[in-house]
Amino acid sequence: MCDVTVASDLSSRYGGRTPRERPDRPERRRMSRPALLGTVVALAAAVGVAAWYGLAPNPTPDGTATVSYDVVDSTLTRTTIAVYPDESRDIVCAVRAVNDQEATVGFTEVDIPADPAADASTPVIVSTDISTTQRAASGHFESCWYADDPRF
C-alpha cells in the first residue's frame, strides 16, 4: 500500500485566501456638494411638474358620448349626444356624419351653454340635424372643447 499525505490546510492546496484577507476595494467616491444639490433640485422640479400636470384642470370636457343616430335620407342625419355640462364654461362639440368608408359626409358644431346648477352625474342630452352630401352610415360626436379655450 502507498502512503497518502493529506494537507491540513485546503487553502494552500486550492489557492484560496486566508479568512482575514479582504479583496482590495477602491474607495467609494461621494458626490460633491454642488452635484448633490443639483440632483435634489432637479428631482424637486420633476416632482413639481408632475404634480402640476396631474392636478391641473382638464382642458377638454370628459364623458361625452353618442346616444343614437338616425339616417333620415341622403341629405340628413339626426344625431343625439350626451354631454356633461360645466358650471361656468360653455362647451362646443363637433358632430359628424360618415359614410361606409368612414369619410365625412356632414359636419356641424353644437353649443352647450354653461349651467350653474349642473349636476356632475347627469348629462345633458342634445339632438342635432346634420346636413349631408350623400347618404351617411352613422353619425357621432367627434370631439368637445371649452368655448373659451384659446387653442380652438
N, C-alpha and C. Protein backbone atom coordinates (compact mmCIF):
# COMPACT_ATOMS: atom_id res chain seq x y z
N MET A 1 0.79 -1.17 0.00
CA MET A 1 0.00 0.00 0.00
C MET A 1 0.84 1.25 0.00
N CYS A 2 0.34 2.31 -0.56
CA CYS A 2 1.07 3.58 -0.61
C CYS A 2 0.61 4.46 0.54
N ASP A 3 1.53 5.31 0.92
CA ASP A 3 1.19 6.30 1.95
C ASP A 3 0.61 7.54 1.28
N VAL A 4 -0.53 7.98 1.76
CA VAL A 4 -1.19 9.18 1.24
C VAL A 4 -1.06 10.27 2.28
N THR A 5 -0.61 11.45 1.81
CA THR A 5 -0.50 12.58 2.73
C THR A 5 -1.65 13.54 2.48
N VAL A 6 -2.21 14.01 3.53
CA VAL A 6 -3.35 14.93 3.43
C VAL A 6 -2.90 16.28 3.95
N ALA A 7 -3.11 17.29 3.14
CA ALA A 7 -2.76 18.64 3.58
C ALA A 7 -3.83 19.11 4.54
N SER A 8 -3.42 19.63 5.65
CA SER A 8 -4.38 20.09 6.65
C SER A 8 -4.98 21.44 6.25
N ASP A 9 -4.28 22.18 5.43
CA ASP A 9 -4.77 23.50 5.04
C ASP A 9 -5.20 23.43 3.58
N LEU A 10 -6.51 23.40 3.33
CA LEU A 10 -7.03 23.30 1.96
C LEU A 10 -6.74 24.56 1.16
N SER A 11 -6.60 25.68 1.81
CA SER A 11 -6.32 26.90 1.07
C SER A 11 -4.96 26.84 0.39
N SER A 12 -4.01 26.18 1.00
CA SER A 12 -2.71 26.05 0.35
C SER A 12 -2.80 25.09 -0.82
N ARG A 13 -3.71 24.17 -0.74
CA ARG A 13 -3.86 23.19 -1.82
C ARG A 13 -4.61 23.78 -3.01
N TYR A 14 -5.67 24.55 -2.75
CA TYR A 14 -6.52 25.06 -3.83
C TYR A 14 -6.30 26.53 -4.12
N GLY A 15 -5.45 27.17 -3.43
CA GLY A 15 -5.13 28.56 -3.73
C GLY A 15 -6.10 29.57 -3.15
N GLY A 16 -6.83 29.23 -2.15
CA GLY A 16 -7.76 30.17 -1.53
C GLY A 16 -7.02 31.16 -0.66
N ARG A 17 -7.70 32.13 -0.18
CA ARG A 17 -7.05 33.12 0.68
C ARG A 17 -7.40 32.84 2.13
N THR A 18 -6.64 33.39 2.99
CA THR A 18 -6.90 33.19 4.42
C THR A 18 -8.14 33.99 4.80
N PRO A 19 -8.84 33.57 5.81
CA PRO A 19 -10.10 34.22 6.17
C PRO A 19 -9.97 35.70 6.52
N ARG A 20 -8.85 36.16 6.95
CA ARG A 20 -8.70 37.55 7.36
C ARG A 20 -8.42 38.50 6.19
N GLU A 21 -8.08 37.95 5.05
CA GLU A 21 -7.77 38.82 3.93
C GLU A 21 -9.05 39.35 3.31
N ARG A 22 -9.03 40.61 2.87
CA ARG A 22 -10.16 41.23 2.18
C ARG A 22 -9.69 41.66 0.81
N PRO A 23 -10.55 41.54 -0.19
CA PRO A 23 -10.12 41.99 -1.51
C PRO A 23 -9.90 43.50 -1.50
N ASP A 24 -9.03 43.94 -2.34
CA ASP A 24 -8.76 45.38 -2.42
C ASP A 24 -9.93 46.06 -3.12
N ARG A 25 -10.63 46.90 -2.40
CA ARG A 25 -11.75 47.65 -2.97
C ARG A 25 -11.34 49.11 -3.08
N PRO A 26 -11.67 49.70 -4.21
CA PRO A 26 -11.38 51.12 -4.30
C PRO A 26 -12.33 51.90 -3.39
N GLU A 27 -11.89 53.01 -2.93
CA GLU A 27 -12.74 53.86 -2.08
C GLU A 27 -13.94 54.32 -2.90
N ARG A 28 -15.14 54.30 -2.29
CA ARG A 28 -16.33 54.80 -2.98
C ARG A 28 -16.28 56.30 -3.03
N ARG A 29 -16.48 56.82 -4.22
CA ARG A 29 -16.47 58.27 -4.36
C ARG A 29 -17.84 58.81 -3.99
N ARG A 30 -17.85 59.86 -3.27
CA ARG A 30 -19.09 60.53 -2.91
C ARG A 30 -19.33 61.67 -3.87
N MET A 31 -20.61 62.00 -4.05
CA MET A 31 -20.94 63.14 -4.91
C MET A 31 -20.50 64.42 -4.23
N SER A 32 -20.06 65.34 -5.03
CA SER A 32 -19.68 66.63 -4.46
C SER A 32 -20.94 67.35 -4.01
N ARG A 33 -20.78 68.32 -3.17
CA ARG A 33 -21.92 69.07 -2.65
C ARG A 33 -22.72 69.76 -3.75
N PRO A 34 -22.09 70.43 -4.72
CA PRO A 34 -22.87 71.05 -5.81
C PRO A 34 -23.62 70.01 -6.65
N ALA A 35 -23.00 68.85 -6.90
CA ALA A 35 -23.67 67.81 -7.68
C ALA A 35 -24.87 67.27 -6.91
N LEU A 36 -24.72 67.06 -5.62
CA LEU A 36 -25.82 66.58 -4.79
C LEU A 36 -26.95 67.60 -4.75
N LEU A 37 -26.61 68.86 -4.59
CA LEU A 37 -27.62 69.92 -4.57
C LEU A 37 -28.34 70.00 -5.91
N GLY A 38 -27.61 69.89 -7.01
CA GLY A 38 -28.22 69.93 -8.34
C GLY A 38 -29.17 68.77 -8.56
N THR A 39 -28.80 67.59 -8.08
CA THR A 39 -29.67 66.42 -8.20
C THR A 39 -30.95 66.59 -7.41
N VAL A 40 -30.84 67.10 -6.21
CA VAL A 40 -32.02 67.33 -5.37
C VAL A 40 -32.94 68.37 -6.02
N VAL A 41 -32.37 69.45 -6.53
CA VAL A 41 -33.18 70.49 -7.19
C VAL A 41 -33.86 69.92 -8.43
N ALA A 42 -33.16 69.12 -9.23
CA ALA A 42 -33.75 68.53 -10.43
C ALA A 42 -34.89 67.58 -10.08
N LEU A 43 -34.72 66.77 -9.05
CA LEU A 43 -35.80 65.87 -8.62
C LEU A 43 -37.00 66.65 -8.11
N ALA A 44 -36.76 67.71 -7.36
CA ALA A 44 -37.86 68.53 -6.85
C ALA A 44 -38.61 69.19 -8.01
N ALA A 45 -37.88 69.65 -9.01
CA ALA A 45 -38.53 70.26 -10.18
C ALA A 45 -39.37 69.23 -10.94
N ALA A 46 -38.85 68.01 -11.09
CA ALA A 46 -39.60 66.96 -11.79
C ALA A 46 -40.88 66.61 -11.03
N VAL A 47 -40.80 66.53 -9.72
CA VAL A 47 -41.99 66.26 -8.93
C VAL A 47 -42.99 67.41 -9.05
N GLY A 48 -42.51 68.63 -9.06
CA GLY A 48 -43.39 69.78 -9.21
C GLY A 48 -44.11 69.80 -10.55
N VAL A 49 -43.39 69.49 -11.62
CA VAL A 49 -44.01 69.46 -12.95
C VAL A 49 -45.05 68.34 -13.02
N ALA A 50 -44.73 67.17 -12.49
CA ALA A 50 -45.68 66.06 -12.50
C ALA A 50 -46.93 66.42 -11.70
N ALA A 51 -46.78 67.07 -10.57
CA ALA A 51 -47.94 67.49 -9.77
C ALA A 51 -48.76 68.52 -10.51
N TRP A 52 -48.09 69.44 -11.20
CA TRP A 52 -48.82 70.48 -11.95
C TRP A 52 -49.71 69.84 -13.01
N TYR A 53 -49.15 68.92 -13.80
CA TYR A 53 -49.94 68.27 -14.83
C TYR A 53 -50.99 67.34 -14.25
N GLY A 54 -50.71 66.73 -13.14
CA GLY A 54 -51.67 65.82 -12.54
C GLY A 54 -52.85 66.51 -11.89
N LEU A 55 -52.62 67.70 -11.35
CA LEU A 55 -53.68 68.39 -10.63
C LEU A 55 -54.32 69.53 -11.42
N ALA A 56 -53.79 69.85 -12.60
CA ALA A 56 -54.34 70.93 -13.41
C ALA A 56 -55.73 70.52 -13.92
N PRO A 57 -56.61 71.51 -14.14
CA PRO A 57 -57.93 71.17 -14.65
C PRO A 57 -57.84 70.58 -16.06
N ASN A 58 -58.77 69.71 -16.38
CA ASN A 58 -58.79 69.05 -17.68
C ASN A 58 -59.10 70.07 -18.77
N PRO A 59 -58.33 70.11 -19.87
CA PRO A 59 -58.56 71.10 -20.91
C PRO A 59 -59.76 70.78 -21.80
N THR A 60 -60.28 69.56 -21.74
CA THR A 60 -61.45 69.21 -22.54
C THR A 60 -62.48 68.54 -21.65
N PRO A 61 -63.76 68.68 -21.99
CA PRO A 61 -64.81 68.03 -21.20
C PRO A 61 -64.72 66.51 -21.29
N ASP A 62 -65.04 65.85 -20.21
CA ASP A 62 -65.00 64.39 -20.17
C ASP A 62 -66.40 63.82 -20.27
N GLY A 63 -66.48 62.59 -20.71
CA GLY A 63 -67.73 61.85 -20.63
C GLY A 63 -68.72 62.08 -21.75
N THR A 64 -68.36 62.75 -22.81
CA THR A 64 -69.29 62.93 -23.92
C THR A 64 -69.44 61.61 -24.65
N ALA A 65 -70.68 61.30 -25.03
CA ALA A 65 -70.93 60.03 -25.71
C ALA A 65 -72.04 60.20 -26.74
N THR A 66 -71.98 59.39 -27.77
CA THR A 66 -73.06 59.35 -28.76
C THR A 66 -74.15 58.46 -28.20
N VAL A 67 -75.38 58.99 -28.13
CA VAL A 67 -76.51 58.22 -27.62
C VAL A 67 -77.15 57.45 -28.76
N SER A 68 -77.42 58.15 -29.87
CA SER A 68 -78.05 57.48 -31.02
C SER A 68 -77.87 58.32 -32.28
N TYR A 69 -78.18 57.71 -33.40
CA TYR A 69 -78.21 58.45 -34.66
C TYR A 69 -79.31 57.84 -35.52
N ASP A 70 -79.83 58.67 -36.43
CA ASP A 70 -80.89 58.23 -37.35
C ASP A 70 -80.58 58.81 -38.71
N VAL A 71 -80.33 57.95 -39.68
CA VAL A 71 -80.09 58.40 -41.05
C VAL A 71 -81.46 58.57 -41.68
N VAL A 72 -81.86 59.84 -41.83
CA VAL A 72 -83.19 60.14 -42.35
C VAL A 72 -83.25 59.87 -43.85
N ASP A 73 -82.32 60.45 -44.60
CA ASP A 73 -82.21 60.23 -46.04
C ASP A 73 -80.81 60.62 -46.49
N SER A 74 -80.61 60.81 -47.77
CA SER A 74 -79.26 61.11 -48.27
C SER A 74 -78.81 62.54 -47.98
N THR A 75 -79.71 63.36 -47.43
CA THR A 75 -79.33 64.74 -47.14
C THR A 75 -79.38 65.09 -45.65
N LEU A 76 -79.81 64.16 -44.80
CA LEU A 76 -80.00 64.49 -43.38
C LEU A 76 -79.74 63.30 -42.48
N THR A 77 -79.00 63.55 -41.40
CA THR A 77 -78.77 62.57 -40.34
C THR A 77 -78.99 63.27 -39.01
N ARG A 78 -79.78 62.65 -38.13
CA ARG A 78 -80.00 63.19 -36.78
C ARG A 78 -79.13 62.41 -35.80
N THR A 79 -78.41 63.17 -34.99
CA THR A 79 -77.52 62.54 -34.00
C THR A 79 -77.85 63.08 -32.62
N THR A 80 -77.87 62.20 -31.64
CA THR A 80 -78.12 62.58 -30.25
C THR A 80 -76.88 62.25 -29.44
N ILE A 81 -76.39 63.24 -28.68
CA ILE A 81 -75.20 63.05 -27.85
C ILE A 81 -75.53 63.40 -26.40
N ALA A 82 -74.76 62.85 -25.49
CA ALA A 82 -74.88 63.17 -24.06
C ALA A 82 -73.61 63.89 -23.64
N VAL A 83 -73.77 65.07 -23.04
CA VAL A 83 -72.63 65.91 -22.63
C VAL A 83 -72.83 66.30 -21.18
N TYR A 84 -71.78 66.20 -20.38
CA TYR A 84 -71.83 66.68 -19.01
C TYR A 84 -71.50 68.16 -19.01
N PRO A 85 -72.46 69.02 -18.68
CA PRO A 85 -72.21 70.47 -18.75
C PRO A 85 -71.27 70.95 -17.66
N ASP A 86 -70.63 72.06 -17.93
CA ASP A 86 -69.74 72.69 -16.96
C ASP A 86 -70.53 73.78 -16.23
N GLU A 87 -70.14 74.07 -15.00
CA GLU A 87 -70.85 75.09 -14.22
C GLU A 87 -70.57 76.50 -14.70
N SER A 88 -69.37 76.74 -15.28
CA SER A 88 -69.01 78.11 -15.61
C SER A 88 -68.56 78.33 -17.05
N ARG A 89 -68.33 77.27 -17.82
CA ARG A 89 -67.83 77.44 -19.18
C ARG A 89 -68.74 76.76 -20.20
N ASP A 90 -68.93 77.45 -21.34
CA ASP A 90 -69.69 76.87 -22.44
C ASP A 90 -68.86 75.79 -23.12
N ILE A 91 -69.54 74.81 -23.66
CA ILE A 91 -68.88 73.70 -24.34
C ILE A 91 -69.33 73.69 -25.80
N VAL A 92 -68.41 73.39 -26.70
CA VAL A 92 -68.72 73.22 -28.12
C VAL A 92 -68.33 71.80 -28.50
N CYS A 93 -69.24 71.09 -29.19
CA CYS A 93 -68.96 69.72 -29.63
C CYS A 93 -69.08 69.64 -31.14
N ALA A 94 -68.12 68.98 -31.75
CA ALA A 94 -68.15 68.71 -33.19
C ALA A 94 -68.87 67.38 -33.40
N VAL A 95 -69.87 67.40 -34.28
CA VAL A 95 -70.64 66.20 -34.57
C VAL A 95 -70.55 65.97 -36.07
N ARG A 96 -70.29 64.73 -36.48
CA ARG A 96 -70.14 64.46 -37.90
C ARG A 96 -70.89 63.21 -38.31
N ALA A 97 -71.23 63.18 -39.60
CA ALA A 97 -71.83 62.01 -40.22
C ALA A 97 -70.80 61.43 -41.17
N VAL A 98 -70.69 60.11 -41.19
CA VAL A 98 -69.71 59.45 -42.06
C VAL A 98 -70.41 58.41 -42.92
N ASN A 99 -69.79 58.11 -44.07
CA ASN A 99 -70.34 57.08 -44.95
C ASN A 99 -69.71 55.72 -44.61
N ASP A 100 -69.95 54.73 -45.46
CA ASP A 100 -69.45 53.37 -45.19
C ASP A 100 -67.93 53.29 -45.15
N GLN A 101 -67.24 54.19 -45.85
CA GLN A 101 -65.78 54.20 -45.87
C GLN A 101 -65.19 55.13 -44.80
N GLU A 102 -66.02 55.57 -43.87
CA GLU A 102 -65.62 56.48 -42.79
C GLU A 102 -65.21 57.87 -43.27
N ALA A 103 -65.62 58.23 -44.46
CA ALA A 103 -65.37 59.58 -44.96
C ALA A 103 -66.46 60.50 -44.42
N THR A 104 -66.09 61.70 -44.04
CA THR A 104 -67.05 62.65 -43.51
C THR A 104 -67.96 63.15 -44.63
N VAL A 105 -69.27 63.00 -44.43
CA VAL A 105 -70.24 63.48 -45.42
C VAL A 105 -71.11 64.60 -44.84
N GLY A 106 -70.94 64.92 -43.56
CA GLY A 106 -71.66 66.01 -42.93
C GLY A 106 -71.00 66.38 -41.62
N PHE A 107 -71.10 67.66 -41.26
CA PHE A 107 -70.42 68.15 -40.06
C PHE A 107 -71.19 69.33 -39.49
N THR A 108 -71.27 69.40 -38.18
CA THR A 108 -71.85 70.56 -37.51
C THR A 108 -71.25 70.68 -36.11
N GLU A 109 -71.39 71.86 -35.54
CA GLU A 109 -70.95 72.10 -34.16
C GLU A 109 -72.16 72.42 -33.31
N VAL A 110 -72.15 71.89 -32.10
CA VAL A 110 -73.26 72.08 -31.16
C VAL A 110 -72.74 72.84 -29.95
N ASP A 111 -73.46 73.88 -29.54
CA ASP A 111 -73.10 74.67 -28.36
C ASP A 111 -73.91 74.20 -27.16
N ILE A 112 -73.22 73.95 -26.06
CA ILE A 112 -73.87 73.59 -24.80
C ILE A 112 -73.53 74.69 -23.81
N PRO A 113 -74.52 75.50 -23.41
CA PRO A 113 -74.23 76.62 -22.52
C PRO A 113 -73.86 76.16 -21.11
N ALA A 114 -73.13 77.01 -20.41
CA ALA A 114 -72.76 76.74 -19.02
C ALA A 114 -74.03 76.65 -18.17
N ASP A 115 -74.00 75.81 -17.18
CA ASP A 115 -75.15 75.62 -16.30
C ASP A 115 -74.69 75.66 -14.85
N PRO A 116 -74.97 76.78 -14.14
CA PRO A 116 -74.53 76.88 -12.74
C PRO A 116 -75.13 75.79 -11.84
N ALA A 117 -76.27 75.24 -12.24
CA ALA A 117 -76.91 74.19 -11.45
C ALA A 117 -76.56 72.81 -12.00
N ALA A 118 -75.48 72.69 -12.74
CA ALA A 118 -75.12 71.43 -13.37
C ALA A 118 -74.81 70.36 -12.33
N ASP A 119 -75.27 69.16 -12.61
CA ASP A 119 -75.00 68.01 -11.76
C ASP A 119 -73.92 67.18 -12.45
N ALA A 120 -72.85 66.87 -11.74
CA ALA A 120 -71.73 66.15 -12.34
C ALA A 120 -72.09 64.73 -12.75
N SER A 121 -73.20 64.21 -12.29
CA SER A 121 -73.58 62.85 -12.63
C SER A 121 -74.72 62.76 -13.65
N THR A 122 -75.24 63.91 -14.10
CA THR A 122 -76.36 63.91 -15.04
C THR A 122 -75.97 64.62 -16.33
N PRO A 123 -75.91 63.89 -17.44
CA PRO A 123 -75.56 64.54 -18.70
C PRO A 123 -76.74 65.27 -19.32
N VAL A 124 -76.44 66.23 -20.17
CA VAL A 124 -77.45 66.92 -20.96
C VAL A 124 -77.55 66.17 -22.28
N ILE A 125 -78.76 65.85 -22.71
CA ILE A 125 -78.97 65.15 -23.97
C ILE A 125 -79.28 66.20 -25.03
N VAL A 126 -78.49 66.19 -26.12
CA VAL A 126 -78.62 67.18 -27.19
C VAL A 126 -78.79 66.44 -28.51
N SER A 127 -79.83 66.80 -29.27
CA SER A 127 -80.03 66.25 -30.61
C SER A 127 -79.74 67.33 -31.63
N THR A 128 -79.14 66.93 -32.74
CA THR A 128 -78.81 67.88 -33.79
C THR A 128 -79.01 67.25 -35.15
N ASP A 129 -79.38 68.07 -36.12
CA ASP A 129 -79.51 67.62 -37.50
C ASP A 129 -78.22 67.95 -38.24
N ILE A 130 -77.74 66.99 -39.01
CA ILE A 130 -76.52 67.19 -39.79
C ILE A 130 -76.90 67.09 -41.26
N SER A 131 -76.66 68.16 -42.00
CA SER A 131 -76.88 68.12 -43.45
C SER A 131 -75.73 67.32 -44.06
N THR A 132 -76.09 66.39 -44.98
CA THR A 132 -75.08 65.51 -45.56
C THR A 132 -75.02 65.66 -47.07
N THR A 133 -73.86 65.36 -47.65
CA THR A 133 -73.67 65.43 -49.10
C THR A 133 -74.06 64.13 -49.78
N GLN A 134 -74.12 63.04 -49.04
CA GLN A 134 -74.56 61.73 -49.52
C GLN A 134 -75.09 60.95 -48.34
N ARG A 135 -75.67 59.80 -48.60
CA ARG A 135 -76.25 59.01 -47.51
C ARG A 135 -75.15 58.62 -46.51
N ALA A 136 -75.43 58.87 -45.24
CA ALA A 136 -74.48 58.56 -44.18
C ALA A 136 -74.71 57.14 -43.68
N ALA A 137 -73.67 56.57 -43.12
CA ALA A 137 -73.78 55.26 -42.49
C ALA A 137 -73.98 55.41 -40.98
N SER A 138 -73.45 56.51 -40.42
CA SER A 138 -73.63 56.76 -38.99
C SER A 138 -73.37 58.23 -38.69
N GLY A 139 -73.73 58.63 -37.49
CA GLY A 139 -73.45 59.98 -37.00
C GLY A 139 -72.96 59.87 -35.58
N HIS A 140 -71.95 60.65 -35.23
CA HIS A 140 -71.41 60.58 -33.87
C HIS A 140 -70.65 61.86 -33.54
N PHE A 141 -70.44 62.08 -32.24
CA PHE A 141 -69.64 63.23 -31.85
C PHE A 141 -68.19 62.92 -32.12
N GLU A 142 -67.44 63.95 -32.53
CA GLU A 142 -66.02 63.76 -32.82
C GLU A 142 -65.17 64.23 -31.66
N SER A 143 -65.46 65.42 -31.16
CA SER A 143 -64.70 65.95 -30.02
C SER A 143 -65.48 67.10 -29.41
N CYS A 144 -65.11 67.44 -28.19
CA CYS A 144 -65.70 68.58 -27.49
C CYS A 144 -64.58 69.41 -26.88
N TRP A 145 -64.83 70.69 -26.68
CA TRP A 145 -63.85 71.59 -26.09
C TRP A 145 -64.60 72.74 -25.42
N TYR A 146 -63.90 73.45 -24.56
CA TYR A 146 -64.49 74.61 -23.91
C TYR A 146 -64.42 75.79 -24.87
N ALA A 147 -65.51 76.54 -24.96
CA ALA A 147 -65.61 77.62 -25.93
C ALA A 147 -64.59 78.72 -25.68
N ASP A 148 -64.15 78.93 -24.44
CA ASP A 148 -63.20 79.99 -24.14
C ASP A 148 -61.75 79.55 -24.26
N ASP A 149 -61.52 78.32 -24.72
CA ASP A 149 -60.15 77.81 -24.86
C ASP A 149 -59.48 78.49 -26.07
N PRO A 150 -58.38 79.18 -25.88
CA PRO A 150 -57.75 79.92 -26.99
C PRO A 150 -57.15 79.01 -28.06
N ARG A 151 -56.99 77.72 -27.80
CA ARG A 151 -56.42 76.83 -28.80
C ARG A 151 -57.40 76.47 -29.89
N PHE A 152 -58.69 76.73 -29.67
CA PHE A 152 -59.70 76.34 -30.68
C PHE A 152 -60.33 77.54 -31.30
